[in-house]
Amino acid sequence: MESHKKFAEKHSLKDVILLSDEKKEIVEKYNTEHWLLPVSKRVYIIVDAYGKVVYRQDTGFSLLENQTSTLISEIDRIIK
């Protein structure tokens, strides 16, 4: 969680929540656990103010291609 905090501070992320799920509550809620390994997959999820998943991209262990621009574009698309 400390690395998340440093990253958010470094990039002045004030309105973005970076999640660290030490108790695996979110892993279970959003079904992100790997089917074989005891770790979570890399899943990009955007949740609206009502708790509804409005974007989900499961990339296994890979990064989302052009992740910043892709996520910003998705957020822009959702809020328009």
N, C-alpha and C. Protein backbone atom coordinates (compact mmCIF):
# COMPACT_ATOMS: atom_id res chain seq x y z
N MET A 1 0.81 -1.19 0.00
CA MET A 1 0.00 0.00 0.00
C MET A 1 0.86 1.26 0.00
N GLU A 2 2.03 1.17 0.59
CA GLU A 2 2.92 2.34 0.61
C GLU A 2 3.35 2.72 -0.80
N SER A 3 3.58 1.74 -1.66
CA SER A 3 3.98 2.05 -3.04
C SER A 3 2.85 2.76 -3.78
N HIS A 4 1.61 2.38 -3.50
CA HIS A 4 0.45 3.04 -4.11
C HIS A 4 0.39 4.50 -3.67
N LYS A 5 0.62 4.73 -2.39
CA LYS A 5 0.57 6.08 -1.84
C LYS A 5 1.65 6.95 -2.49
N LYS A 6 2.86 6.42 -2.60
CA LYS A 6 3.96 7.17 -3.22
C LYS A 6 3.66 7.47 -4.69
N PHE A 7 3.11 6.50 -5.40
CA PHE A 7 2.76 6.69 -6.81
C PHE A 7 1.73 7.79 -6.95
N ALA A 8 0.69 7.76 -6.13
CA ALA A 8 -0.37 8.77 -6.19
C ALA A 8 0.18 10.16 -5.88
N GLU A 9 1.05 10.25 -4.90
CA GLU A 9 1.66 11.54 -4.56
C GLU A 9 2.56 12.03 -5.70
N LYS A 10 3.35 11.15 -6.24
CA LYS A 10 4.28 11.51 -7.32
C LYS A 10 3.53 12.08 -8.53
N HIS A 11 2.37 11.51 -8.83
CA HIS A 11 1.62 11.90 -10.02
C HIS A 11 0.42 12.81 -9.70
N SER A 12 0.38 13.30 -8.46
CA SER A 12 -0.68 14.22 -8.02
C SER A 12 -2.08 13.66 -8.30
N LEU A 13 -2.27 12.40 -8.01
CA LEU A 13 -3.56 11.76 -8.22
C LEU A 13 -4.43 11.98 -6.99
N LYS A 14 -5.33 12.94 -7.09
CA LYS A 14 -6.16 13.28 -5.93
C LYS A 14 -7.55 12.67 -6.01
N ASP A 15 -8.06 12.45 -7.20
CA ASP A 15 -9.42 11.95 -7.37
C ASP A 15 -9.46 10.52 -7.88
N VAL A 16 -8.31 9.83 -7.79
CA VAL A 16 -8.22 8.45 -8.27
C VAL A 16 -7.83 7.57 -7.09
N ILE A 17 -8.53 6.46 -6.93
CA ILE A 17 -8.21 5.54 -5.84
C ILE A 17 -7.45 4.35 -6.42
N LEU A 18 -6.26 4.12 -5.89
CA LEU A 18 -5.48 2.95 -6.27
C LEU A 18 -5.72 1.89 -5.21
N LEU A 19 -6.15 0.74 -5.62
CA LEU A 19 -6.59 -0.29 -4.70
C LEU A 19 -5.48 -1.29 -4.38
N SER A 20 -5.35 -1.60 -3.12
CA SER A 20 -4.51 -2.70 -2.66
C SER A 20 -5.43 -3.59 -1.83
N ASP A 21 -5.59 -4.81 -2.24
CA ASP A 21 -6.60 -5.69 -1.65
C ASP A 21 -5.95 -6.80 -0.82
N GLU A 22 -5.38 -6.41 0.31
CA GLU A 22 -4.65 -7.37 1.15
C GLU A 22 -5.54 -8.47 1.70
N LYS A 23 -6.82 -8.20 1.92
CA LYS A 23 -7.74 -9.19 2.48
C LYS A 23 -8.48 -9.97 1.40
N LYS A 24 -8.22 -9.66 0.14
CA LYS A 24 -8.83 -10.32 -1.02
C LYS A 24 -10.35 -10.16 -1.08
N GLU A 25 -10.87 -9.10 -0.51
CA GLU A 25 -12.30 -8.85 -0.57
C GLU A 25 -12.74 -8.44 -1.97
N ILE A 26 -11.96 -7.59 -2.60
CA ILE A 26 -12.28 -7.11 -3.95
C ILE A 26 -12.02 -8.21 -4.98
N VAL A 27 -10.98 -8.99 -4.75
CA VAL A 27 -10.68 -10.13 -5.64
C VAL A 27 -11.91 -11.02 -5.75
N GLU A 28 -12.54 -11.29 -4.62
CA GLU A 28 -13.73 -12.14 -4.62
C GLU A 28 -14.94 -11.44 -5.23
N LYS A 29 -15.13 -10.16 -4.87
CA LYS A 29 -16.29 -9.42 -5.36
C LYS A 29 -16.28 -9.27 -6.88
N TYR A 30 -15.11 -9.01 -7.45
CA TYR A 30 -15.01 -8.75 -8.89
C TYR A 30 -14.40 -9.91 -9.68
N ASN A 31 -14.26 -11.05 -9.01
CA ASN A 31 -13.78 -12.26 -9.68
C ASN A 31 -12.48 -12.03 -10.44
N THR A 32 -11.43 -11.67 -9.72
CA THR A 32 -10.14 -11.41 -10.37
C THR A 32 -9.06 -12.41 -9.99
N GLU A 33 -9.43 -13.42 -9.21
CA GLU A 33 -8.42 -14.40 -8.80
C GLU A 33 -8.03 -15.27 -9.98
N HIS A 34 -6.75 -15.58 -10.07
CA HIS A 34 -6.25 -16.46 -11.12
C HIS A 34 -6.79 -17.86 -10.86
N TRP A 35 -7.15 -18.56 -11.90
CA TRP A 35 -7.77 -19.88 -11.76
C TRP A 35 -6.81 -20.94 -11.22
N LEU A 36 -5.48 -20.71 -11.36
CA LEU A 36 -4.51 -21.71 -10.93
C LEU A 36 -3.58 -21.18 -9.84
N LEU A 37 -3.07 -19.98 -10.02
CA LEU A 37 -2.10 -19.41 -9.09
C LEU A 37 -2.80 -18.65 -7.95
N PRO A 38 -2.17 -18.59 -6.79
CA PRO A 38 -2.80 -17.91 -5.64
C PRO A 38 -2.58 -16.39 -5.67
N VAL A 39 -2.79 -15.79 -6.82
CA VAL A 39 -2.64 -14.34 -6.99
C VAL A 39 -3.79 -13.80 -7.83
N SER A 40 -3.94 -12.50 -7.79
CA SER A 40 -4.97 -11.88 -8.61
C SER A 40 -4.44 -11.62 -10.01
N LYS A 41 -5.34 -11.71 -10.97
CA LYS A 41 -4.98 -11.33 -12.34
C LYS A 41 -4.95 -9.81 -12.41
N ARG A 42 -4.40 -9.28 -13.48
CA ARG A 42 -4.44 -7.84 -13.70
C ARG A 42 -5.74 -7.54 -14.44
N VAL A 43 -6.65 -6.90 -13.72
CA VAL A 43 -7.95 -6.57 -14.28
C VAL A 43 -8.18 -5.09 -14.07
N TYR A 44 -8.47 -4.40 -15.15
CA TYR A 44 -8.75 -2.96 -15.09
C TYR A 44 -10.26 -2.80 -14.98
N ILE A 45 -10.70 -2.15 -13.92
CA ILE A 45 -12.12 -2.00 -13.67
C ILE A 45 -12.41 -0.54 -13.36
N ILE A 46 -13.43 -0.01 -14.01
CA ILE A 46 -13.92 1.33 -13.69
C ILE A 46 -15.32 1.13 -13.12
N VAL A 47 -15.52 1.67 -11.92
CA VAL A 47 -16.79 1.54 -11.21
C VAL A 47 -17.40 2.93 -11.10
N ASP A 48 -18.67 3.06 -11.45
CA ASP A 48 -19.32 4.37 -11.37
C ASP A 48 -19.70 4.72 -9.93
N ALA A 49 -20.26 5.88 -9.75
CA ALA A 49 -20.61 6.37 -8.41
C ALA A 49 -21.66 5.50 -7.72
N TYR A 50 -22.36 4.67 -8.48
CA TYR A 50 -23.39 3.80 -7.92
C TYR A 50 -22.88 2.38 -7.64
N GLY A 51 -21.59 2.16 -7.89
CA GLY A 51 -21.00 0.85 -7.66
C GLY A 51 -21.14 -0.11 -8.82
N LYS A 52 -21.63 0.38 -9.96
CA LYS A 52 -21.80 -0.46 -11.15
C LYS A 52 -20.50 -0.49 -11.95
N VAL A 53 -20.10 -1.69 -12.35
CA VAL A 53 -18.91 -1.82 -13.20
C VAL A 53 -19.28 -1.33 -14.60
N VAL A 54 -18.59 -0.28 -15.04
CA VAL A 54 -18.90 0.30 -16.35
C VAL A 54 -17.80 -0.02 -17.38
N TYR A 55 -16.69 -0.57 -16.89
CA TYR A 55 -15.61 -0.99 -17.79
C TYR A 55 -14.84 -2.08 -17.08
N ARG A 56 -14.50 -3.13 -17.82
CA ARG A 56 -13.70 -4.23 -17.28
C ARG A 56 -12.85 -4.80 -18.40
N GLN A 57 -11.57 -4.89 -18.15
CA GLN A 57 -10.67 -5.49 -19.12
C GLN A 57 -9.71 -6.39 -18.37
N ASP A 58 -9.82 -7.68 -18.59
CA ASP A 58 -8.96 -8.67 -17.95
C ASP A 58 -7.78 -8.92 -18.88
N THR A 59 -6.58 -8.61 -18.42
CA THR A 59 -5.39 -8.80 -19.26
C THR A 59 -4.49 -9.91 -18.72
N GLY A 60 -5.02 -10.75 -17.84
CA GLY A 60 -4.20 -11.81 -17.27
C GLY A 60 -3.11 -11.19 -16.41
N PHE A 61 -1.87 -11.32 -16.85
CA PHE A 61 -0.75 -10.70 -16.14
C PHE A 61 -0.11 -9.59 -16.96
N SER A 62 -0.67 -9.31 -18.11
CA SER A 62 -0.11 -8.28 -19.01
C SER A 62 -0.68 -6.92 -18.65
N LEU A 63 0.02 -5.90 -19.11
CA LEU A 63 -0.48 -4.53 -18.97
C LEU A 63 -1.49 -4.26 -20.07
N LEU A 64 -2.42 -3.40 -19.77
CA LEU A 64 -3.37 -2.95 -20.77
C LEU A 64 -2.62 -2.09 -21.78
N GLU A 65 -2.79 -2.37 -23.05
CA GLU A 65 -2.10 -1.60 -24.08
C GLU A 65 -2.52 -0.13 -23.99
N ASN A 66 -1.53 0.75 -24.02
CA ASN A 66 -1.78 2.20 -23.89
C ASN A 66 -2.70 2.47 -22.71
N GLN A 67 -2.37 1.90 -21.56
CA GLN A 67 -3.31 1.89 -20.44
C GLN A 67 -3.82 3.27 -20.03
N THR A 68 -2.97 4.26 -19.94
CA THR A 68 -3.43 5.57 -19.51
C THR A 68 -4.42 6.15 -20.50
N SER A 69 -4.05 6.18 -21.77
CA SER A 69 -4.96 6.77 -22.76
C SER A 69 -6.22 5.93 -22.93
N THR A 70 -6.09 4.62 -22.82
CA THR A 70 -7.26 3.75 -22.93
C THR A 70 -8.24 4.01 -21.79
N LEU A 71 -7.74 4.09 -20.58
CA LEU A 71 -8.62 4.30 -19.43
C LEU A 71 -9.22 5.70 -19.44
N ILE A 72 -8.43 6.69 -19.80
CA ILE A 72 -8.97 8.06 -19.89
C ILE A 72 -10.05 8.12 -20.96
N SER A 73 -9.82 7.48 -22.09
CA SER A 73 -10.83 7.45 -23.16
C SER A 73 -12.11 6.79 -22.69
N GLU A 74 -11.98 5.69 -21.95
CA GLU A 74 -13.16 4.98 -21.44
C GLU A 74 -13.92 5.85 -20.44
N ILE A 75 -13.20 6.53 -19.56
CA ILE A 75 -13.85 7.41 -18.59
C ILE A 75 -14.56 8.53 -19.33
N ASP A 76 -13.89 9.14 -20.31
CA ASP A 76 -14.53 10.19 -21.11
C ASP A 76 -15.80 9.69 -21.80
N ARG A 77 -15.74 8.49 -22.34
CA ARG A 77 -16.88 7.90 -23.03
C ARG A 77 -18.04 7.68 -22.05
N ILE A 78 -17.73 7.24 -20.86
CA ILE A 78 -18.74 6.94 -19.87
C ILE A 78 -19.42 8.19 -19.33
N ILE A 79 -18.67 9.25 -19.13
CA ILE A 79 -19.26 10.45 -18.51
C ILE A 79 -19.93 11.38 -19.50
N LYS A 80 -19.82 11.10 -20.78
CA LYS A 80 -20.47 11.96 -21.79
C LYS A 80 -21.92 11.63 -21.93
